[in-house]
């Protein structure tokens, strides 16, 4: 049986879709959700209190209890993949290199910030295109507990991104 070169290339290209782009990375990646960033036994409702209204700035300021500053230390050094939304902190001509990964669109800007254990500071050597900033994304990389304070929010985790990709809704 004779196979044309085109058919062989098409077959190889199709087969490559079945395998992750980074096989070594994919084998050790743990897909997590936002709930995985909250320690077991700490209900989200106990993290965020009623808050206070700031009349001067016309904003609601959340009250976090001590549970907002509890983190999952077992995640330190684990390569994770998690979805979220990008809140840019550092941009250049080719895109975003530092951002806060948030659980919902507009967090920290249009609405009060989530608690620190629900925010992730992300750095990436490869800039993410600025025109794709408001899409849901997947971030893959090593996570660690590292409380950071910015002018937008207090952040509990940090990831150095190995890969950023658009989240595809299924």
N, C-alpha and C. Protein backbone atom coordinates (compact mmCIF):
# COMPACT_ATOMS: atom_id res chain seq x y z
N UNK A 1 0.84 -1.18 0.00
CA UNK A 1 0.00 0.00 0.00
C UNK A 1 0.88 1.24 0.00
N UNK A 2 0.55 2.13 -0.86
CA UNK A 2 1.35 3.32 -1.03
C UNK A 2 0.65 4.52 -0.39
N UNK A 3 1.36 5.25 0.46
CA UNK A 3 0.79 6.41 1.13
C UNK A 3 1.39 7.67 0.53
N UNK A 4 0.55 8.59 0.20
CA UNK A 4 1.06 9.85 -0.35
C UNK A 4 1.72 10.66 0.76
N UNK A 5 2.61 11.51 0.35
CA UNK A 5 3.30 12.37 1.32
C UNK A 5 2.30 13.27 2.05
N UNK A 6 1.33 13.77 1.31
CA UNK A 6 0.32 14.64 1.91
C UNK A 6 -0.48 13.90 2.98
N UNK A 7 -0.89 12.67 2.69
CA UNK A 7 -1.66 11.88 3.64
C UNK A 7 -0.83 11.58 4.89
N UNK A 8 0.46 11.30 4.70
CA UNK A 8 1.33 11.01 5.84
C UNK A 8 1.48 12.24 6.73
N UNK A 9 1.69 13.41 6.10
CA UNK A 9 1.82 14.64 6.89
C UNK A 9 0.52 14.98 7.61
N UNK A 10 -0.60 14.77 6.93
CA UNK A 10 -1.89 15.02 7.55
C UNK A 10 -2.10 14.10 8.75
N UNK A 11 -1.70 12.85 8.60
CA UNK A 11 -1.81 11.89 9.71
C UNK A 11 -0.95 12.28 10.89
N UNK A 12 0.28 12.70 10.61
CA UNK A 12 1.18 13.13 11.69
C UNK A 12 0.65 14.39 12.38
N UNK A 13 0.15 15.32 11.58
CA UNK A 13 -0.40 16.55 12.16
C UNK A 13 -1.61 16.24 13.03
N UNK A 14 -2.47 15.34 12.59
CA UNK A 14 -3.65 14.96 13.37
C UNK A 14 -3.24 14.26 14.65
N UNK A 15 -2.26 13.39 14.57
CA UNK A 15 -1.81 12.67 15.76
C UNK A 15 -1.20 13.62 16.77
N UNK A 16 -0.54 14.68 16.29
CA UNK A 16 0.08 15.61 17.23
C UNK A 16 -0.95 16.35 18.07
N UNK A 17 -2.18 16.45 17.59
CA UNK A 17 -3.24 17.11 18.36
C UNK A 17 -3.64 16.29 19.58
N UNK A 18 -3.35 15.00 19.54
CA UNK A 18 -3.71 14.12 20.65
C UNK A 18 -2.73 14.21 21.81
N UNK A 19 -1.59 14.80 21.59
CA UNK A 19 -0.55 14.87 22.61
C UNK A 19 -0.34 16.31 23.05
N UNK A 20 -0.03 16.52 24.33
CA UNK A 20 0.23 17.87 24.81
C UNK A 20 1.44 18.46 24.12
N UNK A 21 1.48 19.80 24.04
CA UNK A 21 2.62 20.46 23.41
C UNK A 21 3.91 20.25 24.19
N UNK A 22 3.81 20.12 25.49
CA UNK A 22 4.98 19.92 26.34
C UNK A 22 4.77 18.63 27.14
N UNK A 23 5.11 17.46 26.55
CA UNK A 23 4.81 16.19 27.22
C UNK A 23 5.38 16.09 28.63
N UNK A 24 6.61 16.55 28.84
CA UNK A 24 7.20 16.46 30.18
C UNK A 24 6.43 17.33 31.16
N UNK A 25 6.03 18.50 30.71
CA UNK A 25 5.28 19.42 31.55
C UNK A 25 3.89 18.87 31.84
N UNK A 26 3.22 18.36 30.82
CA UNK A 26 1.84 17.88 30.98
C UNK A 26 1.74 16.72 31.96
N UNK A 27 2.76 15.89 32.02
CA UNK A 27 2.72 14.73 32.90
C UNK A 27 2.71 15.13 34.37
N UNK A 28 3.26 16.30 34.70
CA UNK A 28 3.38 16.68 36.10
C UNK A 28 2.51 17.88 36.48
N UNK A 29 1.59 18.27 35.62
CA UNK A 29 0.75 19.44 35.88
C UNK A 29 -0.51 19.03 36.63
N UNK A 30 -0.84 19.79 37.67
CA UNK A 30 -2.06 19.54 38.43
C UNK A 30 -3.06 20.65 38.12
N UNK A 31 -4.18 20.29 37.54
CA UNK A 31 -5.22 21.28 37.23
C UNK A 31 -5.98 21.59 38.52
N UNK A 32 -6.06 22.89 38.85
CA UNK A 32 -6.73 23.28 40.09
C UNK A 32 -7.82 24.32 39.80
N UNK A 33 -8.67 24.52 40.79
CA UNK A 33 -9.71 25.55 40.72
C UNK A 33 -9.44 26.58 41.81
N UNK A 34 -10.23 27.62 41.84
CA UNK A 34 -10.06 28.66 42.85
C UNK A 34 -10.31 28.12 44.25
N UNK A 35 -11.20 27.16 44.39
CA UNK A 35 -11.47 26.56 45.70
C UNK A 35 -10.23 25.87 46.26
N UNK A 36 -9.35 25.39 45.38
CA UNK A 36 -8.14 24.71 45.83
C UNK A 36 -7.16 25.65 46.52
N UNK A 37 -7.35 26.95 46.38
CA UNK A 37 -6.46 27.94 47.01
C UNK A 37 -6.88 28.28 48.43
N UNK A 38 -8.05 27.80 48.83
CA UNK A 38 -8.56 28.03 50.19
C UNK A 38 -8.30 26.77 51.00
N UNK A 39 -7.71 26.89 52.19
CA UNK A 39 -7.46 25.69 53.01
C UNK A 39 -8.75 24.93 53.30
N UNK A 40 -8.64 23.63 53.39
CA UNK A 40 -9.77 22.77 53.70
C UNK A 40 -10.42 23.21 55.00
N UNK A 41 -11.75 23.24 55.00
CA UNK A 41 -12.49 23.59 56.21
C UNK A 41 -12.70 25.08 56.41
N UNK A 42 -12.28 25.91 55.46
CA UNK A 42 -12.47 27.35 55.58
C UNK A 42 -13.49 27.77 54.51
N UNK A 43 -14.76 27.92 54.90
CA UNK A 43 -15.78 28.32 53.92
C UNK A 43 -15.54 29.75 53.43
N UNK A 44 -15.74 29.96 52.15
CA UNK A 44 -15.54 31.29 51.56
C UNK A 44 -16.39 32.34 52.27
N UNK A 45 -17.58 31.95 52.68
CA UNK A 45 -18.47 32.91 53.35
C UNK A 45 -17.89 33.43 54.66
N UNK A 46 -16.94 32.70 55.24
CA UNK A 46 -16.31 33.15 56.48
C UNK A 46 -15.08 34.01 56.22
N UNK A 47 -14.69 34.15 54.96
CA UNK A 47 -13.52 34.94 54.62
C UNK A 47 -13.89 36.40 54.42
N UNK A 48 -14.99 36.64 53.71
CA UNK A 48 -15.39 37.99 53.35
C UNK A 48 -16.55 38.44 54.21
N UNK A 49 -16.34 39.51 54.96
CA UNK A 49 -17.41 40.07 55.78
C UNK A 49 -18.25 41.04 54.98
N UNK A 50 -19.11 41.75 55.68
CA UNK A 50 -20.01 42.69 55.00
C UNK A 50 -19.28 43.85 54.34
N UNK A 51 -18.22 44.32 54.95
CA UNK A 51 -17.45 45.41 54.36
C UNK A 51 -17.94 46.78 54.79
N UNK A 52 -17.25 47.80 54.30
CA UNK A 52 -17.56 49.19 54.62
C UNK A 52 -17.66 49.99 53.33
N UNK A 53 -18.54 50.98 53.36
CA UNK A 53 -18.69 51.84 52.20
C UNK A 53 -17.80 53.06 52.36
N UNK A 54 -16.96 53.32 51.37
CA UNK A 54 -16.08 54.49 51.35
C UNK A 54 -16.79 55.57 50.54
N UNK A 55 -17.43 56.51 51.24
CA UNK A 55 -18.22 57.56 50.57
C UNK A 55 -17.35 58.47 49.71
N UNK A 56 -16.16 58.78 50.19
CA UNK A 56 -15.29 59.69 49.47
C UNK A 56 -14.92 59.13 48.09
N UNK A 57 -14.65 57.84 48.02
CA UNK A 57 -14.25 57.21 46.75
C UNK A 57 -15.38 56.44 46.09
N UNK A 58 -16.56 56.44 46.72
CA UNK A 58 -17.74 55.74 46.19
C UNK A 58 -17.43 54.28 45.86
N UNK A 59 -16.80 53.60 46.83
CA UNK A 59 -16.49 52.18 46.65
C UNK A 59 -16.82 51.41 47.91
N UNK A 60 -17.00 50.13 47.74
CA UNK A 60 -17.21 49.22 48.85
C UNK A 60 -15.88 48.60 49.19
N UNK A 61 -15.49 48.65 50.44
CA UNK A 61 -14.23 48.07 50.89
C UNK A 61 -14.53 46.78 51.65
N UNK A 62 -14.05 45.66 51.14
CA UNK A 62 -14.35 44.40 51.80
C UNK A 62 -13.64 44.28 53.14
N UNK A 63 -14.27 43.58 54.06
CA UNK A 63 -13.64 43.23 55.33
C UNK A 63 -13.27 41.75 55.24
N UNK A 64 -11.99 41.47 55.34
CA UNK A 64 -11.55 40.08 55.33
C UNK A 64 -11.23 39.68 56.76
N UNK A 65 -11.61 38.47 57.13
CA UNK A 65 -11.19 38.00 58.44
C UNK A 65 -9.86 37.27 58.29
N UNK A 66 -9.38 36.68 59.36
CA UNK A 66 -8.06 36.02 59.33
C UNK A 66 -8.01 34.88 58.33
N UNK A 67 -9.16 34.32 57.96
CA UNK A 67 -9.17 33.21 56.99
C UNK A 67 -8.73 33.65 55.60
N UNK A 68 -8.85 34.93 55.29
CA UNK A 68 -8.43 35.44 53.98
C UNK A 68 -6.92 35.35 53.80
N UNK A 69 -6.22 35.26 54.93
CA UNK A 69 -4.77 35.22 54.90
C UNK A 69 -4.24 33.82 55.22
N UNK A 70 -5.11 32.82 55.08
CA UNK A 70 -4.69 31.42 55.22
C UNK A 70 -4.50 30.86 53.82
N UNK A 71 -3.38 30.18 53.63
CA UNK A 71 -3.02 29.69 52.31
C UNK A 71 -2.77 28.19 52.35
N UNK A 72 -2.76 27.57 51.20
CA UNK A 72 -2.51 26.14 51.09
C UNK A 72 -1.01 25.95 50.83
N UNK A 73 -0.27 25.76 51.91
CA UNK A 73 1.19 25.63 51.83
C UNK A 73 1.62 24.41 51.02
N UNK A 74 0.77 23.37 50.97
CA UNK A 74 1.10 22.16 50.21
C UNK A 74 1.22 22.43 48.71
N UNK A 75 0.72 23.56 48.24
CA UNK A 75 0.83 23.90 46.82
C UNK A 75 2.21 24.45 46.45
N UNK A 76 3.01 24.85 47.44
CA UNK A 76 4.33 25.42 47.15
C UNK A 76 5.15 24.50 46.25
N UNK A 77 5.58 25.05 45.11
CA UNK A 77 6.43 24.30 44.18
C UNK A 77 5.69 23.39 43.22
N UNK A 78 4.38 23.26 43.36
CA UNK A 78 3.59 22.39 42.49
C UNK A 78 3.35 23.11 41.16
N UNK A 79 3.52 22.40 40.05
CA UNK A 79 3.19 22.96 38.75
C UNK A 79 1.69 22.78 38.54
N UNK A 80 1.01 23.91 38.40
CA UNK A 80 -0.45 23.90 38.32
C UNK A 80 -0.91 24.48 36.98
N UNK A 81 -2.16 24.20 36.68
CA UNK A 81 -2.85 24.84 35.55
C UNK A 81 -4.18 25.29 36.11
N UNK A 82 -4.45 26.60 35.99
CA UNK A 82 -5.72 27.11 36.52
C UNK A 82 -6.28 28.20 35.61
N UNK A 83 -7.60 28.30 35.59
CA UNK A 83 -8.25 29.32 34.76
C UNK A 83 -8.44 30.62 35.54
N UNK A 84 -8.64 31.69 34.82
CA UNK A 84 -8.93 32.96 35.45
C UNK A 84 -8.92 34.09 34.45
N UNK A 85 -8.90 35.31 34.99
CA UNK A 85 -8.90 36.51 34.16
C UNK A 85 -7.69 37.36 34.52
N UNK A 86 -7.17 38.06 33.53
CA UNK A 86 -5.96 38.84 33.66
C UNK A 86 -6.27 40.29 34.03
N UNK A 87 -5.61 40.76 35.08
CA UNK A 87 -5.63 42.18 35.43
C UNK A 87 -4.19 42.67 35.26
N UNK A 88 -3.88 43.34 34.14
CA UNK A 88 -2.50 43.71 33.82
C UNK A 88 -1.87 44.64 34.85
N UNK A 89 -0.61 44.38 35.15
CA UNK A 89 0.18 45.26 36.01
C UNK A 89 1.36 45.84 35.24
N UNK A 90 1.95 45.04 34.36
CA UNK A 90 3.12 45.47 33.59
C UNK A 90 2.92 45.11 32.13
N UNK A 91 2.92 46.13 31.29
CA UNK A 91 2.76 45.90 29.85
C UNK A 91 3.88 46.58 29.10
N UNK A 92 4.17 46.03 27.95
CA UNK A 92 5.18 46.60 27.07
C UNK A 92 4.64 46.63 25.65
N UNK A 93 5.50 46.93 24.71
CA UNK A 93 5.09 47.00 23.32
C UNK A 93 4.55 45.69 22.78
N UNK A 94 5.00 44.58 23.35
CA UNK A 94 4.56 43.28 22.82
C UNK A 94 3.52 42.59 23.69
N UNK A 95 3.12 43.21 24.79
CA UNK A 95 2.06 42.60 25.59
C UNK A 95 2.29 42.69 27.09
N UNK A 96 1.52 41.88 27.81
CA UNK A 96 1.50 41.88 29.27
C UNK A 96 2.50 40.86 29.81
N UNK A 97 3.35 41.28 30.75
CA UNK A 97 4.33 40.36 31.35
C UNK A 97 4.10 40.13 32.84
N UNK A 98 3.34 41.00 33.48
CA UNK A 98 2.98 40.82 34.89
C UNK A 98 1.50 41.14 35.04
N UNK A 99 0.80 40.27 35.77
CA UNK A 99 -0.63 40.51 35.97
C UNK A 99 -1.12 39.79 37.20
N UNK A 100 -2.32 40.18 37.64
CA UNK A 100 -3.00 39.47 38.71
C UNK A 100 -4.01 38.54 38.04
N UNK A 101 -3.95 37.26 38.37
CA UNK A 101 -4.95 36.31 37.89
C UNK A 101 -6.10 36.35 38.89
N UNK A 102 -7.29 36.63 38.38
CA UNK A 102 -8.47 36.80 39.23
C UNK A 102 -9.54 35.78 38.86
N UNK A 103 -10.44 35.48 39.79
CA UNK A 103 -11.47 34.48 39.50
C UNK A 103 -12.62 34.99 38.64
N UNK A 104 -12.72 36.32 38.47
CA UNK A 104 -13.81 36.85 37.64
C UNK A 104 -13.36 38.17 36.99
N UNK A 105 -14.03 38.53 35.90
CA UNK A 105 -13.71 39.74 35.15
C UNK A 105 -13.96 40.98 36.02
N UNK A 106 -13.05 41.92 35.95
CA UNK A 106 -13.23 43.19 36.65
C UNK A 106 -12.84 43.19 38.10
N UNK A 107 -12.38 42.07 38.62
CA UNK A 107 -11.96 42.02 40.03
C UNK A 107 -10.87 43.05 40.26
N UNK A 108 -10.96 43.75 41.36
CA UNK A 108 -9.98 44.75 41.80
C UNK A 108 -10.13 46.10 41.11
N UNK A 109 -10.91 46.17 40.04
CA UNK A 109 -11.08 47.45 39.35
C UNK A 109 -12.52 47.91 39.45
N UNK A 110 -13.44 47.13 38.91
CA UNK A 110 -14.85 47.52 38.88
C UNK A 110 -15.61 47.07 40.13
N UNK A 111 -15.06 46.12 40.84
CA UNK A 111 -15.67 45.61 42.06
C UNK A 111 -14.55 45.44 43.09
N UNK A 112 -14.88 45.33 44.37
CA UNK A 112 -13.82 45.14 45.37
C UNK A 112 -13.01 43.88 45.09
N UNK A 113 -11.75 43.88 45.51
CA UNK A 113 -10.91 42.72 45.25
C UNK A 113 -11.35 41.50 46.06
N UNK A 114 -11.12 40.32 45.49
CA UNK A 114 -11.32 39.10 46.27
C UNK A 114 -10.29 39.05 47.40
N UNK A 115 -10.45 38.12 48.34
CA UNK A 115 -9.46 37.99 49.41
C UNK A 115 -8.10 37.55 48.85
N UNK A 116 -7.03 37.79 49.60
CA UNK A 116 -5.69 37.44 49.13
C UNK A 116 -5.54 35.98 48.69
N UNK A 117 -6.24 35.05 49.37
CA UNK A 117 -6.09 33.65 48.97
C UNK A 117 -6.92 33.31 47.74
N UNK A 118 -7.44 34.33 47.07
CA UNK A 118 -8.16 34.14 45.81
C UNK A 118 -7.55 34.98 44.68
N UNK A 119 -6.31 35.43 44.87
CA UNK A 119 -5.61 36.19 43.84
C UNK A 119 -4.21 35.62 43.64
N UNK A 120 -3.75 35.62 42.38
CA UNK A 120 -2.44 35.07 42.03
C UNK A 120 -1.67 36.10 41.22
N UNK A 121 -0.46 36.44 41.67
CA UNK A 121 0.44 37.32 40.93
C UNK A 121 1.19 36.46 39.92
N UNK A 122 1.12 36.82 38.64
CA UNK A 122 1.73 36.01 37.58
C UNK A 122 2.76 36.84 36.82
N UNK A 123 3.93 36.23 36.59
CA UNK A 123 4.93 36.83 35.72
C UNK A 123 5.16 35.87 34.56
N UNK A 124 5.46 36.43 33.40
CA UNK A 124 5.68 35.61 32.22
C UNK A 124 6.81 36.20 31.39
N UNK A 125 7.75 35.36 31.00
CA UNK A 125 8.85 35.81 30.15
C UNK A 125 8.33 36.13 28.75
N UNK A 126 7.27 35.41 28.33
CA UNK A 126 6.66 35.65 27.02
C UNK A 126 5.44 36.55 27.20
N UNK A 127 5.46 37.74 26.65
CA UNK A 127 4.33 38.66 26.80
C UNK A 127 3.04 38.09 26.22
N UNK A 128 1.93 38.35 26.91
CA UNK A 128 0.60 37.96 26.43
C UNK A 128 0.06 39.14 25.63
N UNK A 129 -0.46 38.89 24.42
CA UNK A 129 -0.93 39.99 23.57
C UNK A 129 -1.97 40.87 24.26
N UNK A 130 -1.76 42.16 24.20
CA UNK A 130 -2.64 43.11 24.88
C UNK A 130 -4.08 43.02 24.39
N UNK A 131 -4.29 42.65 23.13
CA UNK A 131 -5.66 42.58 22.61
C UNK A 131 -6.42 41.38 23.18
N UNK A 132 -5.74 40.49 23.88
CA UNK A 132 -6.39 39.31 24.46
C UNK A 132 -6.55 39.41 25.97
N UNK A 133 -6.43 40.61 26.53
CA UNK A 133 -6.42 40.78 27.98
C UNK A 133 -7.71 40.40 28.68
N UNK A 134 -8.84 40.54 28.03
CA UNK A 134 -10.10 40.34 28.74
C UNK A 134 -10.73 38.98 28.48
N UNK A 135 -9.97 38.08 27.88
CA UNK A 135 -10.44 36.72 27.67
C UNK A 135 -10.12 35.88 28.90
N UNK A 136 -10.92 34.86 29.12
CA UNK A 136 -10.57 33.89 30.16
C UNK A 136 -9.34 33.13 29.67
N UNK A 137 -8.42 32.86 30.58
CA UNK A 137 -7.17 32.20 30.20
C UNK A 137 -6.86 31.04 31.14
N UNK A 138 -5.99 30.17 30.69
CA UNK A 138 -5.35 29.15 31.51
C UNK A 138 -3.93 29.63 31.78
N UNK A 139 -3.47 29.48 33.00
CA UNK A 139 -2.07 29.76 33.34
C UNK A 139 -1.48 28.47 33.87
N UNK A 140 -0.32 28.09 33.32
CA UNK A 140 0.39 26.90 33.78
C UNK A 140 1.76 27.33 34.27
N UNK A 141 2.13 26.87 35.47
CA UNK A 141 3.43 27.20 36.03
C UNK A 141 3.51 26.78 37.49
N UNK A 142 4.68 26.96 38.07
CA UNK A 142 4.90 26.60 39.48
C UNK A 142 4.29 27.69 40.37
N UNK A 143 3.51 27.24 41.35
CA UNK A 143 2.85 28.17 42.27
C UNK A 143 3.54 28.14 43.62
N UNK A 144 3.47 29.26 44.32
CA UNK A 144 3.98 29.29 45.69
C UNK A 144 3.22 30.35 46.48
N UNK A 145 3.15 30.13 47.77
CA UNK A 145 2.55 31.13 48.65
C UNK A 145 3.56 32.28 48.76
N UNK A 146 3.12 33.48 48.43
CA UNK A 146 3.99 34.65 48.51
C UNK A 146 3.12 35.90 48.63
N UNK A 147 2.72 36.26 49.85
CA UNK A 147 1.89 37.45 50.02
C UNK A 147 2.55 38.71 49.44
N UNK A 148 1.79 39.40 48.59
CA UNK A 148 2.26 40.62 47.91
C UNK A 148 1.17 41.67 48.07
N UNK A 149 1.58 42.90 48.29
CA UNK A 149 0.61 44.00 48.37
C UNK A 149 0.86 44.93 47.18
N UNK A 150 -0.20 45.20 46.43
CA UNK A 150 -0.13 46.17 45.34
C UNK A 150 -1.11 47.30 45.65
N UNK A 151 -1.13 48.32 44.81
CA UNK A 151 -2.09 49.41 45.03
C UNK A 151 -3.51 48.97 44.68
N UNK A 152 -3.67 47.80 44.06
CA UNK A 152 -5.00 47.30 43.70
C UNK A 152 -5.54 46.28 44.69
N UNK A 153 -4.65 45.46 45.26
CA UNK A 153 -5.12 44.37 46.12
C UNK A 153 -3.96 43.72 46.85
N UNK A 154 -4.32 42.95 47.87
CA UNK A 154 -3.36 42.08 48.53
C UNK A 154 -3.48 40.72 47.86
N UNK A 155 -2.35 40.12 47.53
CA UNK A 155 -2.31 38.88 46.76
C UNK A 155 -1.60 37.82 47.59
N UNK A 156 -2.10 36.59 47.53
CA UNK A 156 -1.53 35.53 48.36
C UNK A 156 -0.60 34.56 47.67
N UNK A 157 -0.76 34.40 46.36
CA UNK A 157 0.03 33.40 45.64
C UNK A 157 0.79 34.05 44.49
N UNK A 158 1.82 33.34 44.03
CA UNK A 158 2.61 33.80 42.89
C UNK A 158 2.88 32.62 41.96
N UNK A 159 2.82 32.87 40.66
CA UNK A 159 3.12 31.85 39.64
C UNK A 159 4.06 32.46 38.61
N UNK A 160 5.10 31.72 38.26
CA UNK A 160 5.91 32.07 37.10
C UNK A 160 5.36 31.22 35.97
N UNK A 161 4.74 31.88 34.99
CA UNK A 161 4.02 31.16 33.94
C UNK A 161 4.96 30.49 32.95
N UNK A 162 4.76 29.20 32.75
CA UNK A 162 5.43 28.47 31.68
C UNK A 162 4.61 28.58 30.40
N UNK A 163 3.29 28.68 30.59
CA UNK A 163 2.39 28.75 29.44
C UNK A 163 1.13 29.52 29.83
N UNK A 164 0.65 30.33 28.91
CA UNK A 164 -0.63 31.03 29.04
C UNK A 164 -1.39 30.74 27.75
N UNK A 165 -2.64 30.36 27.89
CA UNK A 165 -3.44 30.07 26.71
C UNK A 165 -4.88 30.49 26.95
N UNK A 166 -5.60 30.71 25.87
CA UNK A 166 -7.01 31.09 25.96
C UNK A 166 -7.79 29.92 26.53
N UNK A 167 -8.69 30.21 27.45
CA UNK A 167 -9.59 29.21 28.02
C UNK A 167 -10.72 28.97 27.03
N UNK A 168 -10.92 27.73 26.66
CA UNK A 168 -11.98 27.38 25.71
C UNK A 168 -13.15 26.81 26.49
N UNK A 169 -14.31 27.47 26.40
CA UNK A 169 -15.51 27.04 27.11
C UNK A 169 -16.08 25.81 26.43
N UNK A 170 -16.38 24.80 27.20
CA UNK A 170 -16.94 23.57 26.63
C UNK A 170 -18.35 23.35 27.08
